[in-house]
Amino acid sequence: MNPWNLLLESLHSALIEELTARSPEPRPELGLPRSEATLMWPDPDVPELQTIEVTLGGQSGKVLLGVEPAAYSKLNCNAECLWNGILAKAENSEFPRRNLSPAFELPRRITARAIFELPKPARVIWIPVSLLPGRIYLGIAL
């Protein structure tokens, strides 16, 4: 399987685990993955994105994390806290299980306007997760 798909699966599993640990009820509702040919803002209710440069198998890409404010308040956690929780869970269980060794840079926050300043990826995959009353978007850009 493609290592980038494995990376997205690993981060997605870690995200669900982190969300469930922070807010057991209601359970997160998984949305269908959405593939796009270019980088678009995931949802108008997301005020900013965390972009995390990642290197895997000699290739570079970006992990994207967007959270609606209502979801942050439900989690009692900010973007940095959420990303750190996802990464810790992925590094402890998901990456070793899938034999992955990604290298991440520090997260960078961007607004909708700044998205056009990023290099244009060839492919973007978004996975939405509903955590009532808000939504979270996990993405990967290659």
C-alpha atoms as a PDB file:
ATOM      1  CA  MET A   1       0.000   0.000   0.000  1.00  0.00           C
ATOM      2  CA  ASN A   2       1.081   3.582  -0.662  1.00  0.00           C
ATOM      3  CA  PRO A   3       2.972   4.955   2.396  1.00  0.00           C
ATOM      4  CA  TRP A   4       1.024   8.246   2.189  1.00  0.00           C
ATOM      5  CA  ASN A   5      -2.267   6.366   2.444  1.00  0.00           C
ATOM      6  CA  LEU A   6      -0.842   4.514   5.436  1.00  0.00           C
ATOM      7  CA  LEU A   7       0.171   7.839   6.991  1.00  0.00           C
ATOM      8  CA  LEU A   8      -3.325   9.266   6.540  1.00  0.00           C
ATOM      9  CA  GLU A   9      -4.894   6.085   7.963  1.00  0.00           C
ATOM     10  CA  SER A  10      -2.526   6.243  10.936  1.00  0.00           C
ATOM     11  CA  LEU A  11      -3.281   9.886  11.692  1.00  0.00           C
ATOM     12  CA  HIS A  12      -7.005   9.321  11.218  1.00  0.00           C
ATOM     13  CA  SER A  13      -6.977   6.408  13.703  1.00  0.00           C
ATOM     14  CA  ALA A  14      -4.972   8.507  16.164  1.00  0.00           C
ATOM     15  CA  LEU A  15      -7.404  11.427  15.730  1.00  0.00           C
ATOM     16  CA  ILE A  16     -10.403   9.229  16.529  1.00  0.00           C
ATOM     17  CA  GLU A  17      -8.592   7.788  19.543  1.00  0.00           C
ATOM     18  CA  GLU A  18      -7.698  11.293  20.784  1.00  0.00           C
ATOM     19  CA  LEU A  19     -11.249  12.591  20.278  1.00  0.00           C
ATOM     20  CA  THR A  20     -12.764   9.616  22.070  1.00  0.00           C
ATOM     21  CA  ALA A  21     -10.337  10.030  24.979  1.00  0.00           C
ATOM     22  CA  ARG A  22     -11.157  13.739  25.316  1.00  0.00           C
ATOM     23  CA  SER A  23     -14.907  13.438  24.776  1.00  0.00           C
ATOM     24  CA  PRO A  24     -16.309   9.906  25.055  1.00  0.00           C
ATOM     25  CA  GLU A  25     -19.895  11.025  24.356  1.00  0.00           C
ATOM     26  CA  PRO A  26     -21.140  11.633  21.786  1.00  0.00           C
ATOM     27  CA  ARG A  27     -18.863   9.406  19.722  1.00  0.00           C
ATOM     28  CA  PRO A  28     -17.187  11.038  16.715  1.00  0.00           C
ATOM     29  CA  GLU A  29     -19.049  10.485  13.446  1.00  0.00           C
ATOM     30  CA  LEU A  30     -16.796   9.665  10.523  1.00  0.00           C
ATOM     31  CA  GLY A  31     -17.356  11.306   7.160  1.00  0.00           C
ATOM     32  CA  LEU A  32     -16.347   9.985   3.768  1.00  0.00           C
ATOM     33  CA  PRO A  33     -12.889  10.945   2.467  1.00  0.00           C
ATOM     34  CA  ARG A  34     -12.942  13.680  -0.159  1.00  0.00           C
ATOM     35  CA  SER A  35     -10.240  13.852  -2.819  1.00  0.00           C
ATOM     36  CA  GLU A  36      -9.469  17.143  -4.546  1.00  0.00           C
ATOM     37  CA  ALA A  37      -7.118  18.118  -7.338  1.00  0.00           C
ATOM     38  CA  THR A  38      -6.074  21.300  -5.554  1.00  0.00           C
ATOM     39  CA  LEU A  39      -5.883  22.710  -2.039  1.00  0.00           C
ATOM     40  CA  MET A  40      -9.215  24.238  -1.060  1.00  0.00           C
ATOM     41  CA  TRP A  41     -10.414  25.456   2.330  1.00  0.00           C
ATOM     42  CA  PRO A  42     -12.287  22.535   3.959  1.00  0.00           C
ATOM     43  CA  ASP A  43     -15.236  24.490   5.392  1.00  0.00           C
ATOM     44  CA  PRO A  44     -16.153  28.184   5.858  1.00  0.00           C
ATOM     45  CA  ASP A  45     -16.651  27.572   9.612  1.00  0.00           C
ATOM     46  CA  VAL A  46     -12.966  26.638  10.041  1.00  0.00           C
ATOM     47  CA  PRO A  47     -11.120  29.868  10.946  1.00  0.00           C
ATOM     48  CA  GLU A  48      -7.582  28.534  10.439  1.00  0.00           C
ATOM     49  CA  LEU A  49      -5.645  25.446   9.445  1.00  0.00           C
ATOM     50  CA  GLN A  50      -2.658  23.816  11.039  1.00  0.00           C
ATOM     51  CA  THR A  51      -0.219  22.863   8.270  1.00  0.00           C
ATOM     52  CA  ILE A  52       2.507  20.418   9.190  1.00  0.00           C
ATOM     53  CA  GLU A  53       5.312  19.658   6.747  1.00  0.00           C
ATOM     54  CA  VAL A  54       6.095  15.946   6.673  1.00  0.00           C
ATOM     55  CA  THR A  55       8.753  13.862   4.952  1.00  0.00           C
ATOM     56  CA  LEU A  56       8.082  10.207   4.279  1.00  0.00           C
ATOM     57  CA  GLY A  57      10.125   7.869   2.122  1.00  0.00           C
ATOM     58  CA  GLY A  58      12.143  10.720   0.629  1.00  0.00           C
ATOM     59  CA  GLN A  59       9.016  12.662  -0.425  1.00  0.00           C
ATOM     60  CA  SER A  60       7.507  15.767   1.149  1.00  0.00           C
ATOM     61  CA  GLY A  61       3.902  16.601   1.809  1.00  0.00           C
ATOM     62  CA  LYS A  62       1.673  18.395   4.285  1.00  0.00           C
ATOM     63  CA  VAL A  63      -0.685  17.241   6.975  1.00  0.00           C
ATOM     64  CA  LEU A  64      -3.628  19.607   7.376  1.00  0.00           C
ATOM     65  CA  LEU A  65      -5.829  19.977  10.433  1.00  0.00           C
ATOM     66  CA  GLY A  66      -8.859  22.251  10.549  1.00  0.00           C
ATOM     67  CA  VAL A  67     -11.194  22.527  13.529  1.00  0.00           C
ATOM     68  CA  GLU A  68     -14.423  24.438  13.941  1.00  0.00           C
ATOM     69  CA  PRO A  69     -14.442  26.548  17.159  1.00  0.00           C
ATOM     70  CA  ALA A  70     -17.395  24.568  18.572  1.00  0.00           C
ATOM     71  CA  ALA A  71     -15.310  21.384  18.440  1.00  0.00           C
ATOM     72  CA  TYR A  72     -12.436  23.043  20.316  1.00  0.00           C
ATOM     73  CA  SER A  73     -14.776  24.043  23.117  1.00  0.00           C
ATOM     74  CA  LYS A  74     -16.151  20.475  23.288  1.00  0.00           C
ATOM     75  CA  LEU A  75     -12.579  19.119  23.558  1.00  0.00           C
ATOM     76  CA  ASN A  76     -11.344  21.803  25.968  1.00  0.00           C
ATOM     77  CA  CYS A  77      -8.201  21.878  23.841  1.00  0.00           C
ATOM     78  CA  ASN A  78      -6.580  24.201  21.288  1.00  0.00           C
ATOM     79  CA  ALA A  79      -5.013  23.270  17.929  1.00  0.00           C
ATOM     80  CA  GLU A  80      -1.534  22.668  19.345  1.00  0.00           C
ATOM     81  CA  CYS A  81      -2.894  20.456  22.113  1.00  0.00           C
ATOM     82  CA  LEU A  82      -4.990  18.431  19.640  1.00  0.00           C
ATOM     83  CA  TRP A  83      -2.110  17.948  17.181  1.00  0.00           C
ATOM     84  CA  ASN A  84       0.256  16.906  19.995  1.00  0.00           C
ATOM     85  CA  GLY A  85      -2.280  14.325  21.186  1.00  0.00           C
ATOM     86  CA  ILE A  86      -2.787  12.943  17.666  1.00  0.00           C
ATOM     87  CA  LEU A  87       0.948  12.746  17.043  1.00  0.00           C
ATOM     88  CA  ALA A  88       1.678  11.043  20.382  1.00  0.00           C
ATOM     89  CA  LYS A  89      -0.959   8.387  19.749  1.00  0.00           C
ATOM     90  CA  ALA A  90       0.250   7.825  16.179  1.00  0.00           C
ATOM     91  CA  GLU A  91       3.903   7.543  17.236  1.00  0.00           C
ATOM     92  CA  ASN A  92       3.078   5.121  20.070  1.00  0.00           C
ATOM     93  CA  SER A  93       0.877   2.702  18.167  1.00  0.00           C
ATOM     94  CA  GLU A  94      -0.079   3.501  14.578  1.00  0.00           C
ATOM     95  CA  PHE A  95       3.320   4.238  12.997  1.00  0.00           C
ATOM     96  CA  PRO A  96       5.112   1.206  14.484  1.00  0.00           C
ATOM     97  CA  ARG A  97       2.243  -1.091  13.485  1.00  0.00           C
ATOM     98  CA  ARG A  98       2.421   0.144   9.888  1.00  0.00           C
ATOM     99  CA  ASN A  99       6.231   0.377   9.849  1.00  0.00           C
ATOM    100  CA  LEU A 100       6.214   4.132   9.109  1.00  0.00           C
ATOM    101  CA  SER A 101       8.888   6.656  10.041  1.00  0.00           C
ATOM    102  CA  PRO A 102       7.579  10.102   9.038  1.00  0.00           C
ATOM    103  CA  ALA A 103       9.472  13.242  10.037  1.00  0.00           C
ATOM    104  CA  PHE A 104       7.253  16.189  11.018  1.00  0.00           C
ATOM    105  CA  GLU A 105       8.116  19.859  11.274  1.00  0.00           C
ATOM    106  CA  LEU A 106       6.394  22.169  13.738  1.00  0.00           C
ATOM    107  CA  PRO A 107       2.806  23.140  12.877  1.00  0.00           C
ATOM    108  CA  ARG A 108       2.152  26.456  11.178  1.00  0.00           C
ATOM    109  CA  ARG A 109      -1.206  28.243  11.371  1.00  0.00           C
ATOM    110  CA  ILE A 110      -2.675  29.726   8.224  1.00  0.00           C
ATOM    111  CA  THR A 111      -5.882  31.574   7.428  1.00  0.00           C
ATOM    112  CA  ALA A 112      -8.067  31.122   4.370  1.00  0.00           C
ATOM    113  CA  ARG A 113      -6.322  33.975   2.568  1.00  0.00           C
ATOM    114  CA  ALA A 114      -2.862  32.465   3.111  1.00  0.00           C
ATOM    115  CA  ILE A 115      -3.832  29.131   1.552  1.00  0.00           C
ATOM    116  CA  PHE A 116      -3.145  30.609  -1.879  1.00  0.00           C
ATOM    117  CA  GLU A 117       0.460  31.326  -0.870  1.00  0.00           C
ATOM    118  CA  LEU A 118       1.201  27.637  -0.291  1.00  0.00           C
ATOM    119  CA  PRO A 119       2.759  25.532  -3.056  1.00  0.00           C
ATOM    120  CA  LYS A 120       0.056  23.885  -5.138  1.00  0.00           C
ATOM    121  CA  PRO A 121      -0.183  20.156  -4.368  1.00  0.00           C
ATOM    122  CA  ALA A 122      -1.096  17.605  -7.027  1.00  0.00           C
ATOM    123  CA  ARG A 123      -3.623  15.915  -4.739  1.00  0.00           C
ATOM    124  CA  VAL A 124      -5.425  16.632  -1.465  1.00  0.00           C
ATOM    125  CA  ILE A 125      -7.491  14.209   0.585  1.00  0.00           C
ATOM    126  CA  TRP A 126      -9.758  15.452   3.381  1.00  0.00           C
ATOM    127  CA  ILE A 127     -11.454  13.293   6.009  1.00  0.00           C
ATOM    128  CA  PRO A 128     -14.205  15.089   7.933  1.00  0.00           C
ATOM    129  CA  VAL A 129     -15.123  14.004  11.451  1.00  0.00           C
ATOM    130  CA  SER A 130     -18.202  15.339  13.235  1.00  0.00           C
ATOM    131  CA  LEU A 131     -17.893  15.893  16.946  1.00  0.00           C
ATOM    132  CA  LEU A 132     -21.117  17.608  17.854  1.00  0.00           C
ATOM    133  CA  PRO A 133     -21.480  20.515  17.917  1.00  0.00           C
ATOM    134  CA  GLY A 134     -18.541  21.007  15.509  1.00  0.00           C
ATOM    135  CA  ARG A 135     -16.439  19.340  12.846  1.00  0.00           C
ATOM    136  CA  ILE A 136     -12.779  18.483  12.438  1.00  0.00           C
ATOM    137  CA  TYR A 137     -11.004  18.079   9.105  1.00  0.00           C
ATOM    138  CA  LEU A 138      -7.877  15.985   8.710  1.00  0.00           C
ATOM    139  CA  GLY A 139      -6.135  16.215   5.373  1.00  0.00           C
ATOM    140  CA  ILE A 140      -3.009  15.353   3.486  1.00  0.00           C
ATOM    141  CA  ALA A 141      -1.578  17.302   0.548  1.00  0.00           C
ATOM    142  CA  LEU A 142       0.958  15.824  -1.839  1.00  0.00           C
END
